Amino acid sequence: MNEMLVKTAEALHARGFHTAVFATAREAADFIRQDMPAGQTVAIGGSMTVKQMGLEKLLREDGHPVLWHWEVAPAERPGLLHEAMNAPLYVCSANALTDSGLIVQIDGNGNRVAAMCYGPNTVYVIVGRNKLVHGGFHDAVRRIKQVACPQNARRQNLDTPCAKDGGACNVKSCAHSMCHMTVCFDLAPMGKRTHVVLVDEDLGY
């Protein structure tokens, strides 16, 4: 088993998170499906990891109603995002995860971090090995700015400095920034169950 994943899982557990480590995305998906109560609604945050896993299709096959704002027209998204905040189950990924157990997210409108902080009773955070960082908070932010943000900006066809070939983050000249808030989870949020599912495969950005 990947030693860094095991070390990170131990650090997360010490911070109050539930953890599980899997060799493959398929094993992780099977675990999540078995762990979820039958028939409950599942909301999904913006996540290439979930899309890559095809998890939304598997959950629907299991009989779960799935709420995902990526699947609806822009005019319908605000209402769906509010509905997602009241779903009992929530699935997302992380932009970066340190081996000391810090989960770091950078969001645009905050729906993902809001759901992780408050709302759904159970949150599953699926993290591939490519998002693990050796170091602290600043190392995690650097990883997000240099690796995740450029790919996400290109996916959304945003005209941002980081999206250009060889480009770097420049807040002052970024007219369409995705980076409106940076949130670090030092400990598991109170009043809910947050399960971090670590996978020994590259997933998402």
C-alpha atoms as a PDB file:
ATOM      1  CA  MET A   1       0.000   0.000   0.000  1.00  0.00           C
ATOM      2  CA  ASN A   2       1.151   3.547  -0.778  1.00  0.00           C
ATOM      3  CA  GLU A   3       2.959   4.679   2.388  1.00  0.00           C
ATOM      4  CA  MET A   4       2.085   8.346   1.903  1.00  0.00           C
ATOM      5  CA  LEU A   5      -1.608   7.487   1.626  1.00  0.00           C
ATOM      6  CA  VAL A   6      -1.438   5.438   4.817  1.00  0.00           C
ATOM      7  CA  LYS A   7       0.414   8.226   6.639  1.00  0.00           C
ATOM      8  CA  THR A   8      -2.140  10.774   5.434  1.00  0.00           C
ATOM      9  CA  ALA A   9      -5.051   8.555   6.516  1.00  0.00           C
ATOM     10  CA  GLU A  10      -3.557   8.303  10.012  1.00  0.00           C
ATOM     11  CA  ALA A  11      -3.137  12.090  10.171  1.00  0.00           C
ATOM     12  CA  LEU A  12      -6.724  12.647   9.033  1.00  0.00           C
ATOM     13  CA  HIS A  13      -8.016  10.178  11.626  1.00  0.00           C
ATOM     14  CA  ALA A  14      -6.174  12.087  14.353  1.00  0.00           C
ATOM     15  CA  ARG A  15      -8.000  15.227  13.180  1.00  0.00           C
ATOM     16  CA  GLY A  16     -11.402  13.566  13.567  1.00  0.00           C
ATOM     17  CA  PHE A  17     -12.050  12.448   9.994  1.00  0.00           C
ATOM     18  CA  HIS A  18     -13.231   8.999   9.021  1.00  0.00           C
ATOM     19  CA  THR A  19     -10.775   7.512   6.542  1.00  0.00           C
ATOM     20  CA  ALA A  20     -10.385   4.647   4.127  1.00  0.00           C
ATOM     21  CA  VAL A  21      -7.602   3.797   1.654  1.00  0.00           C
ATOM     22  CA  PHE A  22      -8.105   1.854  -1.587  1.00  0.00           C
ATOM     23  CA  ALA A  23      -5.842   0.670  -4.381  1.00  0.00           C
ATOM     24  CA  THR A  24      -8.315   1.532  -7.145  1.00  0.00           C
ATOM     25  CA  ALA A  25     -11.102   3.964  -7.879  1.00  0.00           C
ATOM     26  CA  ARG A  26     -13.445   1.044  -8.470  1.00  0.00           C
ATOM     27  CA  GLU A  27     -12.835  -0.274  -4.947  1.00  0.00           C
ATOM     28  CA  ALA A  28     -13.411   3.208  -3.554  1.00  0.00           C
ATOM     29  CA  ALA A  29     -16.679   3.541  -5.481  1.00  0.00           C
ATOM     30  CA  ASP A  30     -17.873   0.151  -4.216  1.00  0.00           C
ATOM     31  CA  PHE A  31     -17.115   1.188  -0.636  1.00  0.00           C
ATOM     32  CA  ILE A  32     -19.016   4.461  -0.946  1.00  0.00           C
ATOM     33  CA  ARG A  33     -21.999   2.723  -2.521  1.00  0.00           C
ATOM     34  CA  GLN A  34     -22.133   0.135   0.260  1.00  0.00           C
ATOM     35  CA  ASP A  35     -21.688   2.769   2.947  1.00  0.00           C
ATOM     36  CA  MET A  36     -24.582   4.959   1.785  1.00  0.00           C
ATOM     37  CA  PRO A  37     -28.068   4.307   3.202  1.00  0.00           C
ATOM     38  CA  ALA A  38     -30.380   3.018   0.487  1.00  0.00           C
ATOM     39  CA  GLY A  39     -32.483   5.506  -1.445  1.00  0.00           C
ATOM     40  CA  GLN A  40     -31.085   8.691   0.092  1.00  0.00           C
ATOM     41  CA  THR A  41     -30.457  11.746  -2.069  1.00  0.00           C
ATOM     42  CA  VAL A  42     -26.838  12.413  -2.993  1.00  0.00           C
ATOM     43  CA  ALA A  43     -25.549  15.845  -3.964  1.00  0.00           C
ATOM     44  CA  ILE A  44     -22.271  16.231  -5.838  1.00  0.00           C
ATOM     45  CA  GLY A  45     -19.908  19.176  -5.808  1.00  0.00           C
ATOM     46  CA  GLY A  46     -18.029  20.186  -8.941  1.00  0.00           C
ATOM     47  CA  SER A  47     -15.636  17.264  -9.306  1.00  0.00           C
ATOM     48  CA  MET A  48     -13.665  15.822 -12.181  1.00  0.00           C
ATOM     49  CA  THR A  49     -12.792  12.977  -9.827  1.00  0.00           C
ATOM     50  CA  VAL A  50     -16.453  11.953  -9.548  1.00  0.00           C
ATOM     51  CA  LYS A  51     -16.891  12.329 -13.310  1.00  0.00           C
ATOM     52  CA  GLN A  52     -13.794  10.258 -14.018  1.00  0.00           C
ATOM     53  CA  MET A  53     -15.078   7.510 -11.715  1.00  0.00           C
ATOM     54  CA  GLY A  54     -18.560   7.566 -13.268  1.00  0.00           C
ATOM     55  CA  LEU A  55     -19.836   7.597  -9.702  1.00  0.00           C
ATOM     56  CA  GLU A  56     -22.998   9.561 -10.458  1.00  0.00           C
ATOM     57  CA  LYS A  57     -24.139   6.806 -12.857  1.00  0.00           C
ATOM     58  CA  LEU A  58     -23.388   4.066 -10.332  1.00  0.00           C
ATOM     59  CA  LEU A  59     -25.322   5.876  -7.610  1.00  0.00           C
ATOM     60  CA  ARG A  60     -28.350   6.270  -9.871  1.00  0.00           C
ATOM     61  CA  GLU A  61     -28.157   2.579 -10.734  1.00  0.00           C
ATOM     62  CA  ASP A  62     -28.350   1.934  -6.981  1.00  0.00           C
ATOM     63  CA  GLY A  63     -31.550   3.988  -6.743  1.00  0.00           C
ATOM     64  CA  HIS A  64     -30.154   7.222  -5.289  1.00  0.00           C
ATOM     65  CA  PRO A  65     -31.604  10.516  -6.533  1.00  0.00           C
ATOM     66  CA  VAL A  66     -28.530  12.545  -7.591  1.00  0.00           C
ATOM     67  CA  LEU A  67     -28.255  16.334  -7.584  1.00  0.00           C
ATOM     68  CA  TRP A  68     -25.412  17.724  -9.687  1.00  0.00           C
ATOM     69  CA  HIS A  69     -25.314  21.287 -10.952  1.00  0.00           C
ATOM     70  CA  TRP A  70     -22.978  20.305 -13.800  1.00  0.00           C
ATOM     71  CA  GLU A  71     -25.885  18.477 -15.422  1.00  0.00           C
ATOM     72  CA  VAL A  72     -28.384  21.352 -15.605  1.00  0.00           C
ATOM     73  CA  ALA A  73     -28.679  24.632 -17.484  1.00  0.00           C
ATOM     74  CA  PRO A  74     -27.025  27.699 -15.893  1.00  0.00           C
ATOM     75  CA  ALA A  75     -30.424  29.213 -15.030  1.00  0.00           C
ATOM     76  CA  GLU A  76     -31.312  26.131 -12.965  1.00  0.00           C
ATOM     77  CA  ARG A  77     -28.061  25.949 -11.026  1.00  0.00           C
ATOM     78  CA  PRO A  78     -28.736  28.382  -8.168  1.00  0.00           C
ATOM     79  CA  GLY A  79     -31.865  26.506  -7.088  1.00  0.00           C
ATOM     80  CA  LEU A  80     -30.163  23.139  -7.404  1.00  0.00           C
ATOM     81  CA  LEU A  81     -27.170  24.307  -5.363  1.00  0.00           C
ATOM     82  CA  HIS A  82     -29.474  25.372  -2.530  1.00  0.00           C
ATOM     83  CA  GLU A  83     -31.266  22.032  -2.732  1.00  0.00           C
ATOM     84  CA  ALA A  84     -27.906  20.257  -2.570  1.00  0.00           C
ATOM     85  CA  MET A  85     -27.129  21.965   0.728  1.00  0.00           C
ATOM     86  CA  ASN A  86     -30.081  20.108   2.278  1.00  0.00           C
ATOM     87  CA  ALA A  87     -29.225  16.685   0.857  1.00  0.00           C
ATOM     88  CA  PRO A  88     -28.352  14.042   3.470  1.00  0.00           C
ATOM     89  CA  LEU A  89     -25.318  12.859   1.485  1.00  0.00           C
ATOM     90  CA  TYR A  90     -22.665  14.879  -0.331  1.00  0.00           C
ATOM     91  CA  VAL A  91     -19.765  13.784  -2.535  1.00  0.00           C
ATOM     92  CA  CYS A  92     -16.843  15.917  -3.639  1.00  0.00           C
ATOM     93  CA  SER A  93     -13.074  15.904  -3.943  1.00  0.00           C
ATOM     94  CA  ALA A  94     -10.293  18.113  -2.603  1.00  0.00           C
ATOM     95  CA  ASN A  95      -7.947  20.428  -4.465  1.00  0.00           C
ATOM     96  CA  ALA A  96      -5.074  19.430  -2.213  1.00  0.00           C
ATOM     97  CA  LEU A  97      -4.459  17.268   0.848  1.00  0.00           C
ATOM     98  CA  THR A  98      -1.307  17.438   2.936  1.00  0.00           C
ATOM     99  CA  ASP A  99       0.295  14.387   4.472  1.00  0.00           C
ATOM    100  CA  SER A 100      -0.274  16.068   7.840  1.00  0.00           C
ATOM    101  CA  GLY A 101      -4.041  15.881   7.224  1.00  0.00           C
ATOM    102  CA  LEU A 102      -4.989  19.398   6.060  1.00  0.00           C
ATOM    103  CA  ILE A 103      -7.725  19.519   3.416  1.00  0.00           C
ATOM    104  CA  VAL A 104      -7.404  22.662   1.308  1.00  0.00           C
ATOM    105  CA  GLN A 105     -10.018  23.924  -1.153  1.00  0.00           C
ATOM    106  CA  ILE A 106     -10.212  26.948  -3.430  1.00  0.00           C
ATOM    107  CA  ASP A 107     -13.743  27.781  -4.584  1.00  0.00           C
ATOM    108  CA  GLY A 108     -15.510  30.262  -6.797  1.00  0.00           C
ATOM    109  CA  ASN A 109     -19.018  30.622  -5.338  1.00  0.00           C
ATOM    110  CA  GLY A 110     -18.433  28.492  -2.244  1.00  0.00           C
ATOM    111  CA  ASN A 111     -21.111  25.841  -2.700  1.00  0.00           C
ATOM    112  CA  ARG A 112     -18.656  22.994  -2.232  1.00  0.00           C
ATOM    113  CA  VAL A 113     -16.940  24.301   0.886  1.00  0.00           C
ATOM    114  CA  ALA A 114     -20.302  25.377   2.307  1.00  0.00           C
ATOM    115  CA  ALA A 115     -21.640  21.832   2.012  1.00  0.00           C
ATOM    116  CA  MET A 116     -18.462  20.437   3.524  1.00  0.00           C
ATOM    117  CA  CYS A 117     -18.767  22.827   6.465  1.00  0.00           C
ATOM    118  CA  TYR A 118     -22.505  22.636   7.098  1.00  0.00           C
ATOM    119  CA  GLY A 119     -25.650  21.041   5.698  1.00  0.00           C
ATOM    120  CA  PRO A 120     -25.370  17.413   4.553  1.00  0.00           C
ATOM    121  CA  ASN A 121     -25.021  14.952   7.420  1.00  0.00           C
ATOM    122  CA  THR A 122     -22.427  12.817   5.649  1.00  0.00           C
ATOM    123  CA  VAL A 123     -19.739  14.059   3.273  1.00  0.00           C
ATOM    124  CA  TYR A 124     -17.456  11.850   1.198  1.00  0.00           C
ATOM    125  CA  VAL A 125     -14.242  13.514   0.032  1.00  0.00           C
ATOM    126  CA  ILE A 126     -12.555  11.366  -2.625  1.00  0.00           C
ATOM    127  CA  VAL A 127      -8.859  12.137  -3.110  1.00  0.00           C
ATOM    128  CA  GLY A 128      -6.500  10.557  -5.625  1.00  0.00           C
ATOM    129  CA  ARG A 129      -2.785  10.210  -4.900  1.00  0.00           C
ATOM    130  CA  ASN A 130      -1.954  13.032  -7.319  1.00  0.00           C
ATOM    131  CA  LYS A 131      -3.496  15.570  -4.921  1.00  0.00           C
ATOM    132  CA  LEU A 132      -1.344  14.637  -1.941  1.00  0.00           C
ATOM    133  CA  VAL A 133       1.223  17.212  -0.850  1.00  0.00           C
ATOM    134  CA  HIS A 134       4.232  16.782   1.391  1.00  0.00           C
ATOM    135  CA  GLY A 135       4.323  19.948   3.484  1.00  0.00           C
ATOM    136  CA  GLY A 136       1.850  22.392   4.944  1.00  0.00           C
ATOM    137  CA  PHE A 137      -0.909  24.809   3.991  1.00  0.00           C
ATOM    138  CA  HIS A 138       1.220  26.989   1.704  1.00  0.00           C
ATOM    139  CA  ASP A 139       2.479  23.936  -0.174  1.00  0.00           C
ATOM    140  CA  ALA A 140      -1.126  22.842  -0.697  1.00  0.00           C
ATOM    141  CA  VAL A 141      -2.128  26.263  -2.054  1.00  0.00           C
ATOM    142  CA  ARG A 142       0.885  26.241  -4.359  1.00  0.00           C
ATOM    143  CA  ARG A 143      -0.199  22.877  -5.726  1.00  0.00           C
ATOM    144  CA  ILE A 144      -3.717  24.167  -6.366  1.00  0.00           C
ATOM    145  CA  LYS A 145      -2.534  27.355  -8.080  1.00  0.00           C
ATOM    146  CA  GLN A 146       0.076  25.641 -10.228  1.00  0.00           C
ATOM    147  CA  VAL A 147      -1.663  22.347 -11.063  1.00  0.00           C
ATOM    148  CA  ALA A 148      -5.417  22.332 -10.418  1.00  0.00           C
ATOM    149  CA  CYS A 149      -6.439  25.874 -11.317  1.00  0.00           C
ATOM    150  CA  PRO A 150      -4.835  25.994 -14.792  1.00  0.00           C
ATOM    151  CA  GLN A 151      -6.524  22.738 -15.809  1.00  0.00           C
ATOM    152  CA  ASN A 152      -9.893  23.799 -14.400  1.00  0.00           C
ATOM    153  CA  ALA A 153      -9.646  27.185 -16.108  1.00  0.00           C
ATOM    154  CA  ARG A 154      -8.911  25.560 -19.461  1.00  0.00           C
ATOM    155  CA  ARG A 155     -11.780  23.118 -18.959  1.00  0.00           C
ATOM    156  CA  GLN A 156     -14.158  26.054 -18.474  1.00  0.00           C
ATOM    157  CA  ASN A 157     -12.590  28.083 -21.308  1.00  0.00           C
ATOM    158  CA  LEU A 158     -11.801  30.910 -18.901  1.00  0.00           C
ATOM    159  CA  ASP A 159      -9.523  33.735 -19.965  1.00  0.00           C
ATOM    160  CA  THR A 160      -7.256  33.636 -16.922  1.00  0.00           C
ATOM    161  CA  PRO A 161      -3.479  34.119 -16.737  1.00  0.00           C
ATOM    162  CA  CYS A 162      -3.005  30.602 -15.366  1.00  0.00           C
ATOM    163  CA  ALA A 163      -4.878  29.034 -18.303  1.00  0.00           C
ATOM    164  CA  LYS A 164      -2.380  30.287 -20.871  1.00  0.00           C
ATOM    165  CA  ASP A 165       0.570  28.132 -21.885  1.00  0.00           C
ATOM    166  CA  GLY A 166       3.273  28.643 -19.296  1.00  0.00           C
ATOM    167  CA  GLY A 167       1.010  31.051 -17.452  1.00  0.00           C
ATOM    168  CA  ALA A 168       1.050  31.676 -13.735  1.00  0.00           C
ATOM    169  CA  CYS A 169      -1.491  32.957 -11.235  1.00  0.00           C
ATOM    170  CA  ASN A 170      -1.821  36.746 -11.298  1.00  0.00           C
ATOM    171  CA  VAL A 171      -4.757  37.946  -9.215  1.00  0.00           C
ATOM    172  CA  LYS A 172      -4.444  41.573 -10.335  1.00  0.00           C
ATOM    173  CA  SER A 173      -4.908  40.740 -14.023  1.00  0.00           C
ATOM    174  CA  CYS A 174      -7.430  37.916 -13.572  1.00  0.00           C
ATOM    175  CA  ALA A 175     -10.806  39.234 -14.746  1.00  0.00           C
ATOM    176  CA  HIS A 176     -12.566  35.846 -14.546  1.00  0.00           C
ATOM    177  CA  SER A 177     -10.971  34.287 -11.494  1.00  0.00           C
ATOM    178  CA  MET A 178     -12.222  31.021 -10.050  1.00  0.00           C
ATOM    179  CA  CYS A 179     -10.324  31.669  -6.836  1.00  0.00           C
ATOM    180  CA  HIS A 180     -12.687  33.670  -4.635  1.00  0.00           C
ATOM    181  CA  MET A 181     -12.099  31.832  -1.368  1.00  0.00           C
ATOM    182  CA  THR A 182      -9.512  29.537   0.142  1.00  0.00           C
ATOM    183  CA  VAL A 183     -10.618  27.188   2.928  1.00  0.00           C
ATOM    184  CA  CYS A 184      -8.475  24.885   5.047  1.00  0.00           C
ATOM    185  CA  PHE A 185     -10.024  22.117   7.151  1.00  0.00           C
ATOM    186  CA  ASP A 186      -7.824  21.733  10.220  1.00  0.00           C
ATOM    187  CA  LEU A 187     -10.252  19.360  11.945  1.00  0.00           C
ATOM    188  CA  ALA A 188     -13.360  17.475  10.901  1.00  0.00           C
ATOM    189  CA  PRO A 189     -16.423  19.783  11.006  1.00  0.00           C
ATOM    190  CA  MET A 190     -18.590  19.329  14.081  1.00  0.00           C
ATOM    191  CA  GLY A 191     -22.054  17.813  13.890  1.00  0.00           C
ATOM    192  CA  LYS A 192     -21.508  15.677  10.812  1.00  0.00           C
ATOM    193  CA  ARG A 193     -19.535  12.713   9.470  1.00  0.00           C
ATOM    194  CA  THR A 194     -16.802  13.537   6.968  1.00  0.00           C
ATOM    195  CA  HIS A 195     -15.285  10.472   5.320  1.00  0.00           C
ATOM    196  CA  VAL A 196     -12.070  11.008   3.345  1.00  0.00           C
ATOM    197  CA  VAL A 197     -11.626   8.238   0.781  1.00  0.00           C
ATOM    198  CA  LEU A 198      -8.021   7.982  -0.439  1.00  0.00           C
ATOM    199  CA  VAL A 199      -7.236   6.243  -3.725  1.00  0.00           C
ATOM    200  CA  ASP A 200      -3.880   5.016  -5.021  1.00  0.00           C
ATOM    201  CA  GLU A 201      -4.652   6.298  -8.538  1.00  0.00           C
ATOM    202  CA  ASP A 202      -4.476   9.713 -10.194  1.00  0.00           C
ATOM    203  CA  LEU A 203      -7.955  11.228 -10.148  1.00  0.00           C
ATOM    204  CA  GLY A 204      -9.128  14.667 -11.259  1.00  0.00           C
ATOM    205  CA  TYR A 205      -6.912  17.730 -11.215  1.00  0.00           C
END
